[in-house]
Amino acid sequence: MELKDKILAFMEQHGSPMTAGEVEKALKVDRKEVDKAFKLLKKEEAIVSPVRCKWEPAKK
């Protein structure tokens, strides 16, 4: 399982918008890796930002 898949699954379980820092601390991974995964997820439109600097899975 790729990091972006782990992040997306974690965000779906969490149930509320999260910052990259919160994801980093919860999954214990490097912030740069989280930022790269967020960039890919945004490009794929898998996550959306309902509030500035916070992200959640896109509704499908």
Protein backbone atom coordinates (compact mmCIF):
# COMPACT_ATOMS: atom_id res chain seq x y z
CA MET A 1 0.00 0.00 0.00
CA GLU A 2 1.39 3.37 -1.00
CA LEU A 3 1.63 6.24 1.45
CA LYS A 4 -1.06 8.22 -0.37
CA ASP A 5 -3.44 5.28 0.02
CA LYS A 6 -2.62 5.02 3.73
CA ILE A 7 -3.21 8.75 4.16
CA LEU A 8 -6.54 8.63 2.33
CA ALA A 9 -7.73 5.63 4.35
CA PHE A 10 -6.68 7.32 7.60
CA MET A 11 -8.47 10.55 6.67
CA GLU A 12 -11.64 8.60 5.84
CA GLN A 13 -11.52 6.90 9.24
CA HIS A 14 -10.83 10.17 11.07
CA GLY A 15 -13.97 11.75 9.68
CA SER A 16 -13.06 15.44 9.92
CA PRO A 17 -10.73 17.79 8.01
CA MET A 18 -7.05 17.42 8.92
CA THR A 19 -3.83 19.35 8.37
CA ALA A 20 -0.70 17.76 6.91
CA GLY A 21 0.92 18.12 10.34
CA GLU A 22 -1.84 16.11 12.00
CA VAL A 23 -1.47 13.35 9.41
CA GLU A 24 2.31 13.39 9.87
CA LYS A 25 2.05 12.93 13.64
CA ALA A 26 -0.68 10.30 13.47
CA LEU A 27 1.06 8.12 10.85
CA LYS A 28 4.61 8.86 12.09
CA VAL A 29 6.00 9.67 8.65
CA ASP A 30 8.22 12.49 7.37
CA ARG A 31 6.42 15.76 6.59
CA LYS A 32 8.01 15.98 3.14
CA GLU A 33 6.56 12.58 2.27
CA VAL A 34 3.12 13.70 3.50
CA ASP A 35 3.37 16.86 1.38
CA LYS A 36 4.27 14.80 -1.72
CA ALA A 37 1.33 12.47 -1.12
CA PHE A 38 -1.04 15.43 -0.55
CA LYS A 39 0.14 16.95 -3.85
CA LEU A 40 -0.69 13.69 -5.69
CA LEU A 41 -4.04 13.35 -3.92
CA LYS A 42 -4.96 16.95 -4.82
CA LYS A 43 -3.99 16.34 -8.45
CA GLU A 44 -6.19 13.22 -8.52
CA GLU A 45 -8.96 15.23 -6.82
CA ALA A 46 -9.10 12.59 -4.07
CA ILE A 47 -8.97 15.25 -1.32
CA VAL A 48 -10.60 18.67 -1.03
CA SER A 49 -10.12 21.62 1.29
CA PRO A 50 -13.33 22.71 3.05
CA VAL A 51 -11.36 25.06 5.32
CA ARG A 52 -8.05 26.78 4.69
CA CYS A 53 -5.06 24.45 5.34
CA LYS A 54 -7.28 21.46 6.20
CA TRP A 55 -8.09 18.58 3.92
CA GLU A 56 -10.63 15.77 3.77
CA PRO A 57 -11.47 13.00 1.30
CA ALA A 58 -13.54 14.13 -1.66
CA LYS A 59 -17.15 12.98 -1.73
CA LYS A 60 -17.73 10.63 -4.66
